[in-house]
N, C-alpha and C. Protein backbone atom coordinates (compact mmCIF):
# COMPACT_ATOMS: atom_id res chain seq x y z
N MET A 1 56.70 77.14 98.27
CA MET A 1 56.69 77.52 96.87
C MET A 1 57.65 76.69 96.05
N LEU A 2 58.78 76.38 96.62
CA LEU A 2 59.75 75.60 95.86
C LEU A 2 59.25 74.20 95.58
N ALA A 3 58.28 73.73 96.37
CA ALA A 3 57.72 72.39 96.17
C ALA A 3 56.39 72.44 95.42
N SER A 4 56.02 73.57 94.87
CA SER A 4 54.78 73.76 94.10
C SER A 4 53.52 73.55 94.92
N GLU A 5 53.60 73.79 96.22
CA GLU A 5 52.41 73.66 97.05
C GLU A 5 51.59 74.94 97.01
N ARG A 6 50.30 74.81 97.25
CA ARG A 6 49.41 75.97 97.25
C ARG A 6 49.75 76.85 98.44
N MET A 7 49.87 78.14 98.19
CA MET A 7 50.23 79.11 99.22
C MET A 7 49.11 80.14 99.33
N GLN A 8 48.95 80.68 100.52
CA GLN A 8 47.97 81.74 100.71
C GLN A 8 48.45 82.64 101.83
N PHE A 9 48.33 83.94 101.63
CA PHE A 9 48.62 84.85 102.72
C PHE A 9 47.67 86.03 102.65
N THR A 10 47.53 86.69 103.77
CA THR A 10 46.61 87.80 103.91
C THR A 10 47.37 89.00 104.44
N THR A 11 47.10 90.17 103.86
CA THR A 11 47.71 91.40 104.37
C THR A 11 46.62 92.43 104.63
N ARG A 12 46.90 93.30 105.57
CA ARG A 12 46.04 94.46 105.81
C ARG A 12 46.96 95.59 106.25
N TYR A 13 46.98 96.63 105.45
CA TYR A 13 47.80 97.78 105.78
C TYR A 13 47.09 98.67 106.78
N LYS A 14 47.86 99.49 107.47
CA LYS A 14 47.31 100.41 108.47
C LYS A 14 46.19 101.24 107.83
N ASN A 15 45.09 101.34 108.53
CA ASN A 15 43.89 102.09 108.11
C ASN A 15 43.17 101.48 106.91
N GLN A 16 43.52 100.29 106.52
CA GLN A 16 42.81 99.60 105.43
C GLN A 16 41.65 98.83 106.06
N PRO A 17 40.43 99.02 105.58
CA PRO A 17 39.27 98.40 106.22
C PRO A 17 39.05 96.93 105.88
N TYR A 18 39.88 96.34 105.05
CA TYR A 18 39.67 94.96 104.62
C TYR A 18 41.01 94.25 104.43
N ASP A 19 40.97 92.93 104.45
CA ASP A 19 42.15 92.11 104.19
C ASP A 19 42.30 91.89 102.69
N THR A 20 43.52 91.79 102.25
CA THR A 20 43.82 91.38 100.89
C THR A 20 44.35 89.95 100.97
N VAL A 21 43.66 89.02 100.31
CA VAL A 21 44.05 87.61 100.34
C VAL A 21 44.66 87.26 98.99
N ILE A 22 45.85 86.67 99.05
CA ILE A 22 46.53 86.23 97.85
C ILE A 22 46.74 84.73 97.98
N SER A 23 46.28 83.98 96.98
CA SER A 23 46.41 82.53 96.98
C SER A 23 46.96 82.11 95.62
N PHE A 24 47.94 81.21 95.64
CA PHE A 24 48.56 80.80 94.38
C PHE A 24 49.32 79.49 94.56
N SER A 25 49.66 78.89 93.46
CA SER A 25 50.60 77.78 93.46
C SER A 25 51.55 78.02 92.29
N ALA A 26 52.80 77.69 92.51
CA ALA A 26 53.78 77.92 91.46
C ALA A 26 54.98 77.01 91.70
N SER A 27 55.67 76.75 90.65
CA SER A 27 56.91 75.99 90.74
C SER A 27 58.04 76.94 90.39
N LEU A 28 58.87 77.24 91.36
CA LEU A 28 59.96 78.18 91.14
C LEU A 28 61.30 77.49 91.35
N THR A 29 62.25 77.86 90.52
CA THR A 29 63.62 77.42 90.77
C THR A 29 64.18 78.29 91.90
N LYS A 30 65.28 77.89 92.46
CA LYS A 30 65.89 78.69 93.53
C LYS A 30 66.26 80.08 93.02
N GLU A 31 66.75 80.16 91.78
CA GLU A 31 67.12 81.45 91.20
C GLU A 31 65.91 82.36 91.04
N GLU A 32 64.77 81.78 90.67
CA GLU A 32 63.55 82.57 90.51
C GLU A 32 62.97 82.98 91.86
N ALA A 33 63.18 82.17 92.87
CA ALA A 33 62.61 82.44 94.18
C ALA A 33 63.34 83.55 94.93
N LEU A 34 64.61 83.76 94.66
CA LEU A 34 65.39 84.76 95.40
C LEU A 34 64.78 86.16 95.36
N PRO A 35 64.42 86.71 94.19
CA PRO A 35 63.83 88.05 94.18
C PRO A 35 62.47 88.10 94.90
N LEU A 36 61.69 87.02 94.76
CA LEU A 36 60.40 86.98 95.44
C LEU A 36 60.58 86.97 96.95
N MET A 37 61.51 86.19 97.44
CA MET A 37 61.77 86.14 98.88
C MET A 37 62.25 87.50 99.39
N ALA A 38 63.07 88.19 98.62
CA ALA A 38 63.54 89.52 99.02
C ALA A 38 62.36 90.48 99.11
N CYS A 39 61.45 90.40 98.16
CA CYS A 39 60.26 91.25 98.16
C CYS A 39 59.40 90.96 99.38
N LEU A 40 59.15 89.69 99.65
CA LEU A 40 58.32 89.32 100.79
C LEU A 40 58.97 89.72 102.11
N GLU A 41 60.28 89.62 102.21
CA GLU A 41 60.97 90.06 103.42
C GLU A 41 60.79 91.56 103.62
N GLY A 42 60.83 92.32 102.53
CA GLY A 42 60.60 93.76 102.63
C GLY A 42 59.19 94.08 103.10
N LEU A 43 58.21 93.35 102.57
CA LEU A 43 56.83 93.55 103.00
C LEU A 43 56.65 93.23 104.47
N VAL A 44 57.21 92.13 104.91
CA VAL A 44 57.11 91.75 106.32
C VAL A 44 57.76 92.81 107.19
N GLY A 45 58.90 93.31 106.77
CA GLY A 45 59.58 94.36 107.53
C GLY A 45 58.75 95.62 107.65
N ARG A 46 58.11 96.03 106.56
CA ARG A 46 57.27 97.23 106.59
C ARG A 46 56.02 97.01 107.43
N MET A 47 55.44 95.83 107.36
CA MET A 47 54.24 95.57 108.16
C MET A 47 54.57 95.55 109.65
N GLY A 48 55.79 95.15 109.98
CA GLY A 48 56.20 95.12 111.38
C GLY A 48 56.78 96.44 111.86
N GLY A 49 56.84 97.42 110.95
CA GLY A 49 57.37 98.72 111.32
C GLY A 49 58.88 98.78 111.37
N LYS A 50 59.56 97.77 110.84
CA LYS A 50 61.02 97.75 110.84
C LYS A 50 61.56 98.42 109.60
N ASP A 51 62.72 99.03 109.74
CA ASP A 51 63.38 99.59 108.57
C ASP A 51 64.02 98.48 107.78
N GLU A 52 64.05 98.65 106.46
CA GLU A 52 64.68 97.65 105.61
C GLU A 52 66.18 97.81 105.63
């Protein structure tokens, strides 16, 4: 993301019958990326069943 490359990820929550695909490209400064990275880390933790 910091290099403005196209990104794509897929999520599927427990008991969800379909994948959610998110695809985007963006140019973020390091300051702008910090909250996004914190959010994504929280999502990954919840998907893995880990406590935040």
